[in-house]
Amino acid sequence: MDFVLTDAQRELAALTRQVVTGQASRAGSGPAAGGEAGLDAGLWAGLAQAGVLAAGLPESAGGAGAGLLEQCSVLAELGRAVAAVPYLTSAVLGAGAIARSGTPEQQQRWAVPAGRGELIIAVALEDEDSDDPAVPAARAERDGDGWVLSGVKTAVPAGTSAGLLLVPAATSPAGRGPAGSAGPPGGAGQDGIAVFGVAPGDAGVTVQPQQLTGASAARIVLDQARLPGDRLLGSPAAGPGLLGWLTERGTTGLCALQYGILDRALELTAQYARERVQFGRPIGSFQAVAQRLADAYIDVEAVRLTMWQAAWRLQAGLDAAAEVAMAKFWAADAGHRVAHTAVHVHGGLGVDLSGPVQQYFLAAQHCEFALGGATAQLRRLGGLLAAGD
């Protein structure tokens, strides 16, 4: 692959930085605390007006037809600013999945307004009773022309702000056990997987706020939630492929966010090490500090390269299971080290909860564990190697 950024990537990244910088100047503040903690409505509107939100959608859904590489360029810029906007879940995953698999009516109803920033879409990939996003524990059973959903989705980004939730669930035909039967942990015995559009106001749906490390999210309880047939995205036969699409792009998007977070955190830390004088010398001239900065630089480069490799393979339509797992491993493992280096080199300022270093630290912690930390990625890689994939 060619690691040189395309003109489209550079231009969209520059536009995103311009919007983010302008919004920060108007707000009179620095980066928003905690990544997706809350919603910066002003920045979200600015990104929509500039066309950033819709850029990755096809023209049929009101977009410009940009790809995942361009979207990762946007995510890296948002990570650098620790921007409190749900671009990954709403624009990349939610609107992208609907544009890819939804009916024309669903695209006009959901994807088009999401691209305009008028609708926030949250994608509920993590289950309370399953540690693998590819194996949902939530259940869906046919009920006449509709469906009945039961289960609990957790750590749903932007879940409290969303007007639409995309919910993957294991499916079973009518008559196969009680509706909403959770079955054994991990979804064993499921007949298939489908993805549904769920509105927060639907009967049987409860949205509970959650506070995570470095982010706010929602716990979604589905208690015999009845949905009409037109809430199914695509078809049950296409469900596993759609869930894989969401999971791989969601994981790669987190890596892009993490790259931006870590790159900017290292810049701030190196600048501080040049300016902070102790014993008559900048602390960056001390061997121990210089070594930690050098190690952090190598780690950030590893996150950058593996992220772009995974994104390139996904955009090219190539198998990328191993590359996505490798990228997320580096984003988690290296992200942990770089975030701690930033705090340690800053000393007391590093633990100031009102300072920027803590914001980057918490955002990096969130990206480290979302959709599986380093150990989970090694398990996935081990499984792929053992299977000969």
Protein backbone atom coordinates (compact mmCIF):
# COMPACT_ATOMS: atom_id res chain seq x y z
CA MET A 1 0.00 0.00 0.00
CA ASP A 2 0.93 3.65 -0.41
CA PHE A 3 1.16 5.37 2.98
CA VAL A 4 1.14 8.86 1.44
CA LEU A 5 -2.12 10.61 2.26
CA THR A 6 -4.30 11.44 -0.72
CA ASP A 7 -5.34 14.97 -1.57
CA ALA A 8 -8.88 14.14 -0.44
CA GLN A 9 -7.62 12.95 2.94
CA ARG A 10 -5.47 16.04 3.47
CA GLU A 11 -8.22 18.42 2.40
CA LEU A 12 -10.90 16.84 4.57
CA ALA A 13 -8.52 16.72 7.55
CA ALA A 14 -7.61 20.38 7.04
CA LEU A 15 -11.28 21.34 6.81
CA THR A 16 -12.02 19.42 10.01
CA ARG A 17 -9.15 21.11 11.85
CA GLN A 18 -10.35 24.49 10.63
CA VAL A 19 -13.88 23.85 11.93
CA VAL A 20 -12.61 22.46 15.24
CA THR A 21 -10.19 25.35 15.75
CA GLY A 22 -12.82 27.92 14.89
CA GLN A 23 -15.31 26.40 17.29
CA ALA A 24 -12.72 26.25 20.09
CA SER A 25 -11.90 29.92 19.51
CA ARG A 26 -15.57 30.91 19.68
CA ALA A 27 -16.06 28.82 22.81
CA GLY A 28 -12.95 30.30 24.39
CA SER A 29 -11.78 26.90 25.60
CA GLY A 30 -9.48 24.03 24.74
CA PRO A 31 -10.36 20.44 23.91
CA ALA A 32 -13.61 19.02 25.15
CA ALA A 33 -13.22 16.73 28.13
CA GLY A 34 -13.45 13.01 27.63
CA GLY A 35 -13.78 12.44 23.90
CA GLU A 36 -17.48 11.75 23.37
CA ALA A 37 -18.44 12.86 26.89
CA GLY A 38 -21.56 14.87 26.14
CA LEU A 39 -22.14 16.67 22.87
CA ASP A 40 -20.58 19.87 21.58
CA ALA A 41 -23.65 21.06 19.69
CA GLY A 42 -21.85 24.03 18.17
CA LEU A 43 -19.04 21.90 16.76
CA TRP A 44 -21.50 19.27 15.53
CA ALA A 45 -23.45 21.94 13.65
CA GLY A 46 -20.22 23.37 12.24
CA LEU A 47 -19.09 19.98 10.94
CA ALA A 48 -22.49 19.43 9.34
CA GLN A 49 -22.51 22.86 7.70
CA ALA A 50 -19.01 22.32 6.33
CA GLY A 51 -20.08 19.01 4.78
CA VAL A 52 -17.76 16.89 6.93
CA LEU A 53 -20.54 14.67 8.31
CA ALA A 54 -21.94 13.79 4.91
CA ALA A 55 -18.61 13.49 3.09
CA GLY A 56 -18.39 9.72 3.58
CA LEU A 57 -21.93 8.99 2.37
CA PRO A 58 -22.78 8.13 -1.25
CA GLU A 59 -24.45 10.75 -3.41
CA SER A 60 -27.74 8.84 -3.15
CA ALA A 61 -27.73 9.61 0.58
CA GLY A 62 -26.71 13.24 0.18
CA GLY A 63 -22.97 12.66 0.52
CA ALA A 64 -19.76 13.24 -1.44
CA GLY A 65 -18.71 9.60 -1.80
CA ALA A 66 -15.53 9.74 0.31
CA GLY A 67 -14.22 6.48 1.77
CA LEU A 68 -12.97 5.10 5.05
CA LEU A 69 -9.49 6.58 4.57
CA GLU A 70 -10.96 10.07 4.43
CA GLN A 71 -13.18 9.33 7.43
CA CYS A 72 -10.17 8.14 9.43
CA SER A 73 -8.43 11.42 8.57
CA VAL A 74 -11.40 13.24 10.11
CA LEU A 75 -11.35 10.96 13.16
CA ALA A 76 -7.65 11.61 13.73
CA GLU A 77 -8.30 15.36 13.74
CA LEU A 78 -11.21 14.95 16.15
CA GLY A 79 -8.99 12.83 18.38
CA ARG A 80 -6.32 15.54 18.42
CA ALA A 81 -8.94 17.96 19.73
CA VAL A 82 -10.63 15.40 22.01
CA ALA A 83 -13.77 16.67 20.34
CA ALA A 84 -17.10 15.85 21.97
CA VAL A 85 -18.93 14.81 18.82
CA PRO A 86 -20.28 11.35 17.85
CA TYR A 87 -18.80 11.34 14.35
CA LEU A 88 -17.68 7.69 14.50
CA THR A 89 -20.95 6.19 15.70
CA SER A 90 -23.34 8.47 13.82
CA ALA A 91 -21.68 9.41 10.52
CA VAL A 92 -19.18 6.60 9.88
CA LEU A 93 -21.08 3.62 11.28
CA GLY A 94 -24.76 4.52 11.60
CA ALA A 95 -25.37 6.55 8.45
CA GLY A 96 -22.77 4.49 6.59
CA ALA A 97 -24.49 1.19 7.40
CA ILE A 98 -27.89 2.55 6.39
CA ALA A 99 -26.50 3.93 3.14
CA ARG A 100 -24.90 0.55 2.46
CA SER A 101 -27.69 -1.82 3.45
CA GLY A 102 -30.87 0.16 3.97
CA THR A 103 -33.81 0.52 1.65
CA PRO A 104 -34.19 3.81 -0.27
CA GLU A 105 -36.88 4.80 2.24
CA GLN A 106 -34.57 4.06 5.19
CA GLN A 107 -31.77 6.05 3.57
CA GLN A 108 -33.99 9.09 3.13
CA ARG A 109 -35.51 8.67 6.58
CA TRP A 110 -32.28 8.16 8.54
CA ALA A 111 -29.02 8.48 6.57
CA VAL A 112 -29.77 11.80 4.86
CA PRO A 113 -30.71 13.70 8.06
CA ALA A 114 -27.74 12.11 9.85
CA GLY A 115 -25.44 13.53 7.18
CA ARG A 116 -26.98 16.95 7.77
CA GLY A 117 -26.41 16.65 11.51
CA GLU A 118 -30.14 16.64 12.20
CA LEU A 119 -30.22 13.06 13.50
CA ILE A 120 -27.66 11.32 15.70
CA ILE A 121 -27.40 7.57 15.23
CA ALA A 122 -25.90 5.38 17.95
CA VAL A 123 -24.63 1.90 17.16
CA ALA A 124 -25.01 -0.59 20.04
CA LEU A 125 -22.22 -3.10 19.40
CA GLU A 126 -21.51 -4.24 22.97
CA ASP A 127 -23.77 -6.53 25.00
CA GLU A 128 -23.95 -6.91 28.73
CA ASP A 129 -23.88 -10.73 28.40
CA SER A 130 -21.28 -11.15 25.65
CA ASP A 131 -17.64 -10.07 25.46
CA ASP A 132 -17.51 -10.37 21.66
CA PRO A 133 -19.27 -7.71 19.53
CA ALA A 134 -19.49 -10.25 16.71
CA VAL A 135 -21.69 -12.52 18.87
CA PRO A 136 -24.62 -10.45 20.18
CA ALA A 137 -26.48 -11.73 23.23
CA ALA A 138 -29.57 -9.64 22.51
CA ARG A 139 -32.33 -11.71 20.89
CA ALA A 140 -34.86 -10.94 18.16
CA GLU A 141 -37.84 -13.12 17.31
CA ARG A 142 -40.33 -12.73 14.51
CA ASP A 143 -43.78 -11.60 15.55
CA GLY A 144 -46.06 -11.64 12.53
CA ASP A 145 -44.73 -8.98 10.17
CA GLY A 146 -42.58 -7.46 12.91
CA TRP A 147 -40.01 -8.38 15.51
CA VAL A 148 -39.67 -8.60 19.29
CA LEU A 149 -36.29 -7.66 20.78
CA SER A 150 -34.94 -8.39 24.25
CA GLY A 151 -31.54 -7.91 25.82
CA VAL A 152 -29.22 -5.30 27.25
CA LYS A 153 -26.75 -3.24 25.25
CA THR A 154 -24.08 -1.45 27.20
CA ALA A 155 -21.50 1.32 26.69
CA VAL A 156 -23.43 2.67 23.70
CA PRO A 157 -21.62 5.86 22.57
CA ALA A 158 -23.92 8.88 22.16
CA GLY A 159 -26.80 6.69 23.29
CA THR A 160 -28.40 9.45 25.34
CA SER A 161 -28.28 11.92 22.43
CA ALA A 162 -29.36 9.55 19.68
CA GLY A 163 -32.64 9.69 17.81
CA LEU A 164 -31.99 6.24 16.37
CA LEU A 165 -30.20 3.17 17.73
CA LEU A 166 -28.80 0.46 15.46
CA VAL A 167 -29.10 -2.76 17.44
CA PRO A 168 -27.58 -6.08 16.29
CA ALA A 169 -29.39 -9.11 17.70
CA ALA A 170 -29.35 -12.89 17.34
CA THR A 171 -32.45 -14.04 15.50
CA SER A 172 -34.63 -17.12 15.82
CA PRO A 173 -37.74 -18.01 13.81
CA ALA A 174 -41.21 -17.83 15.30
CA GLY A 175 -42.01 -20.69 17.60
CA ARG A 176 -38.42 -21.35 18.67
CA GLY A 177 -38.60 -20.62 22.39
CA PRO A 178 -39.94 -17.53 24.19
CA ALA A 179 -39.39 -14.15 22.65
CA GLY A 180 -36.28 -12.52 24.02
CA SER A 181 -34.84 -15.76 25.35
CA ALA A 182 -31.24 -14.88 25.99
CA GLY A 183 -29.96 -18.41 25.51
CA PRO A 184 -26.51 -19.39 26.67
CA PRO A 185 -23.85 -16.70 27.09
CA GLY A 186 -22.20 -15.70 23.83
CA GLY A 187 -25.29 -16.40 21.75
CA ALA A 188 -24.75 -20.16 21.31
CA GLY A 189 -27.58 -21.78 19.41
CA GLN A 190 -28.56 -18.63 17.55
CA ASP A 191 -30.04 -19.02 14.06
CA GLY A 192 -28.67 -15.79 12.61
CA ILE A 193 -27.94 -12.13 13.20
CA ALA A 194 -29.91 -9.07 12.14
CA VAL A 195 -29.52 -5.32 12.69
CA PHE A 196 -32.53 -3.21 13.62
CA GLY A 197 -33.32 0.49 13.81
CA VAL A 198 -34.70 1.17 17.29
CA ALA A 199 -36.11 4.51 18.41
CA PRO A 200 -35.48 5.52 22.05
CA GLY A 201 -39.21 6.16 22.44
CA ASP A 202 -40.32 2.72 21.28
CA ALA A 203 -42.33 0.71 23.81
CA GLY A 204 -40.09 -1.62 25.79
CA VAL A 205 -36.95 0.48 25.20
CA THR A 206 -35.21 2.14 28.15
CA VAL A 207 -32.16 4.38 27.74
CA GLN A 208 -30.08 4.71 30.91
CA PRO A 209 -27.12 7.12 31.09
CA GLN A 210 -23.72 5.57 31.80
CA GLN A 211 -20.48 7.30 32.75
CA LEU A 212 -17.41 5.53 31.44
CA THR A 213 -13.72 6.33 31.75
CA GLY A 214 -13.30 9.25 29.41
CA ALA A 215 -16.74 9.10 27.83
CA SER A 216 -20.45 9.19 28.49
CA ALA A 217 -22.60 6.47 27.02
CA ALA A 218 -25.88 4.66 27.53
CA ARG A 219 -27.17 1.32 28.70
CA ILE A 220 -30.04 0.25 26.45
CA VAL A 221 -32.57 -2.16 27.95
CA LEU A 222 -34.82 -3.97 25.45
CA ASP A 223 -37.74 -5.54 27.28
CA GLN A 224 -39.96 -7.26 24.70
CA ALA A 225 -39.57 -4.24 22.43
CA ARG A 226 -41.90 -4.67 19.46
CA LEU A 227 -40.76 -3.26 16.13
CA PRO A 228 -42.51 -3.08 12.77
CA GLY A 229 -40.95 -4.99 9.89
CA ASP A 230 -39.53 -1.85 8.25
CA ARG A 231 -37.09 -1.42 11.15
CA LEU A 232 -34.99 -4.34 9.92
CA LEU A 233 -31.87 -3.09 8.17
CA GLY A 234 -31.17 -5.15 5.09
CA SER A 235 -32.21 -8.76 5.56
CA PRO A 236 -31.53 -11.45 8.19
CA ALA A 237 -29.34 -13.27 5.66
CA ALA A 238 -27.15 -10.18 5.30
CA GLY A 239 -27.01 -9.55 9.06
CA PRO A 240 -23.69 -11.28 9.85
CA GLY A 241 -21.94 -9.42 7.04
CA LEU A 242 -23.40 -6.09 8.15
CA LEU A 243 -22.38 -6.70 11.77
CA GLY A 244 -18.86 -7.57 10.61
CA TRP A 245 -18.81 -4.35 8.57
CA LEU A 246 -19.85 -2.33 11.63
CA THR A 247 -17.41 -4.05 13.97
CA GLU A 248 -14.37 -3.78 11.73
CA ARG A 249 -14.99 -0.15 10.83
CA GLY A 250 -15.89 0.73 14.40
CA THR A 251 -12.66 -0.81 15.66
CA THR A 252 -10.56 0.88 12.97
CA GLY A 253 -12.29 4.19 13.66
CA LEU A 254 -11.35 3.91 17.34
CA CYS A 255 -7.75 3.36 16.26
CA ALA A 256 -7.90 6.56 14.17
CA LEU A 257 -9.29 8.49 17.13
CA GLN A 258 -6.59 7.02 19.35
CA TYR A 259 -3.87 7.99 16.90
CA GLY A 260 -5.02 11.61 16.97
CA ILE A 261 -5.28 11.59 20.77
CA LEU A 262 -1.82 10.11 21.27
CA ASP A 263 -0.12 12.20 18.60
CA ARG A 264 -1.33 15.43 20.17
CA ALA A 265 -0.62 14.20 23.72
CA LEU A 266 2.98 13.44 22.70
CA GLU A 267 3.33 16.89 21.10
CA LEU A 268 2.18 18.55 24.32
CA THR A 269 4.47 16.35 26.40
CA ALA A 270 7.54 17.00 24.24
CA GLN A 271 6.85 20.74 24.35
CA TYR A 272 6.55 20.64 28.14
CA ALA A 273 9.80 18.67 28.42
CA ARG A 274 11.59 21.37 26.40
CA GLU A 275 10.21 24.23 28.49
CA ARG A 276 10.18 22.81 32.03
CA VAL A 277 13.51 23.56 33.71
CA GLN A 278 14.74 21.58 36.71
CA PHE A 279 18.24 21.71 38.22
CA GLY A 280 19.09 24.36 35.64
CA ARG A 281 18.25 22.18 32.62
CA PRO A 282 15.15 21.37 30.58
CA ILE A 283 13.82 18.06 31.86
CA GLY A 284 13.82 16.74 28.30
CA SER A 285 17.61 16.68 28.43
CA PHE A 286 17.55 14.07 31.19
CA GLN A 287 18.14 10.59 29.84
CA ALA A 288 15.15 8.96 31.54
CA VAL A 289 12.72 11.57 30.18
CA ALA A 290 14.25 11.52 26.71
CA GLN A 291 13.99 7.72 26.63
CA ARG A 292 10.31 7.77 27.52
CA LEU A 293 9.62 10.36 24.81
CA ALA A 294 11.51 8.26 22.25
CA ASP A 295 9.57 5.14 23.22
CA ALA A 296 6.31 7.09 22.99
CA TYR A 297 7.22 8.34 19.52
CA ILE A 298 7.79 4.77 18.31
CA ASP A 299 4.49 3.69 19.86
CA VAL A 300 2.56 6.50 18.15
CA GLU A 301 4.13 5.58 14.81
CA ALA A 302 3.07 1.95 15.31
CA VAL A 303 -0.52 3.05 15.99
CA ARG A 304 -0.46 5.27 12.90
CA LEU A 305 0.93 2.67 10.50
CA THR A 306 -1.22 -0.25 11.63
CA MET A 307 -4.35 1.92 11.58
CA TRP A 308 -3.76 3.06 8.01
CA GLN A 309 -2.97 -0.49 6.91
CA ALA A 310 -6.28 -1.76 8.33
CA ALA A 311 -8.25 1.17 6.88
CA TRP A 312 -6.66 0.74 3.44
CA ARG A 313 -7.46 -2.97 3.29
CA LEU A 314 -11.06 -2.37 4.38
CA GLN A 315 -11.57 0.36 1.80
CA ALA A 316 -10.03 -1.86 -0.87
CA GLY A 317 -12.49 -4.64 -0.02
CA LEU A 318 -9.75 -7.00 1.15
CA ASP A 319 -9.88 -9.30 4.15
CA ALA A 320 -8.62 -7.26 7.08
CA ALA A 321 -9.49 -9.29 10.19
CA ALA A 322 -5.86 -9.70 11.27
CA GLU A 323 -4.93 -6.13 10.35
CA VAL A 324 -7.84 -4.67 12.32
CA ALA A 325 -6.91 -6.77 15.37
CA MET A 326 -3.26 -5.70 15.08
CA ALA A 327 -4.22 -2.05 14.78
CA LYS A 328 -6.47 -2.23 17.83
CA PHE A 329 -3.77 -4.09 19.79
CA TRP A 330 -1.33 -1.25 19.17
CA ALA A 331 -3.98 1.38 19.85
CA ALA A 332 -4.68 -0.27 23.20
CA ASP A 333 -1.23 -1.44 24.31
CA ALA A 334 0.80 1.49 23.01
CA GLY A 335 -2.00 3.88 23.89
CA HIS A 336 -1.74 2.82 27.52
CA ARG A 337 2.00 3.53 27.58
CA VAL A 338 1.85 6.87 25.79
CA ALA A 339 -1.00 8.17 27.93
CA HIS A 340 0.88 7.30 31.10
CA THR A 341 4.07 8.87 29.75
CA ALA A 342 2.19 12.13 29.17
CA VAL A 343 0.94 12.15 32.75
CA HIS A 344 4.27 11.16 34.31
CA VAL A 345 6.40 13.69 32.40
CA HIS A 346 3.97 16.47 33.28
CA GLY A 347 4.26 15.57 36.97
CA GLY A 348 1.67 17.35 39.09
CA LEU A 349 0.11 19.00 36.05
CA GLY A 350 -0.54 15.56 34.66
CA VAL A 351 -3.04 14.76 37.40
CA ASP A 352 -4.80 18.13 37.32
CA LEU A 353 -8.37 17.15 36.43
CA SER A 354 -9.01 20.53 34.83
CA GLY A 355 -5.93 20.39 32.61
CA PRO A 356 -5.64 19.12 29.03
CA VAL A 357 -3.33 16.21 29.90
CA GLN A 358 -6.02 14.47 31.94
CA GLN A 359 -8.49 14.93 29.11
CA TYR A 360 -6.15 13.18 26.69
CA PHE A 361 -5.37 10.51 29.27
CA LEU A 362 -9.05 9.69 29.85
CA ALA A 363 -9.85 9.75 26.13
CA ALA A 364 -6.96 7.36 25.48
CA GLN A 365 -8.20 5.05 28.23
CA HIS A 366 -11.62 4.93 26.61
CA CYS A 367 -10.21 4.08 23.17
CA GLU A 368 -7.95 1.47 24.78
CA PHE A 369 -10.82 -0.68 26.04
CA ALA A 370 -13.77 0.08 23.73
CA LEU A 371 -14.58 -2.93 21.49
CA GLY A 372 -11.87 -4.98 23.17
CA GLY A 373 -8.53 -4.18 24.76
CA ALA A 374 -5.08 -5.57 23.95
CA THR A 375 -5.75 -9.04 25.39
CA ALA A 376 -8.97 -9.43 23.39
CA GLN A 377 -7.12 -8.52 20.19
CA LEU A 378 -4.38 -11.06 20.87
CA ARG A 379 -7.05 -13.69 21.38
CA ARG A 380 -8.59 -12.78 18.03
CA LEU A 381 -5.22 -12.92 16.30
CA GLY A 382 -4.48 -16.27 17.95
CA GLY A 383 -7.80 -17.62 16.75
CA LEU A 384 -7.12 -16.46 13.18
CA LEU A 385 -3.67 -18.04 13.20
CA ALA A 386 -4.96 -21.28 14.68
CA ALA A 387 -7.65 -21.46 12.00
CA GLY A 388 -5.12 -20.76 9.29
CA ASP A 389 -6.90 -17.57 8.13
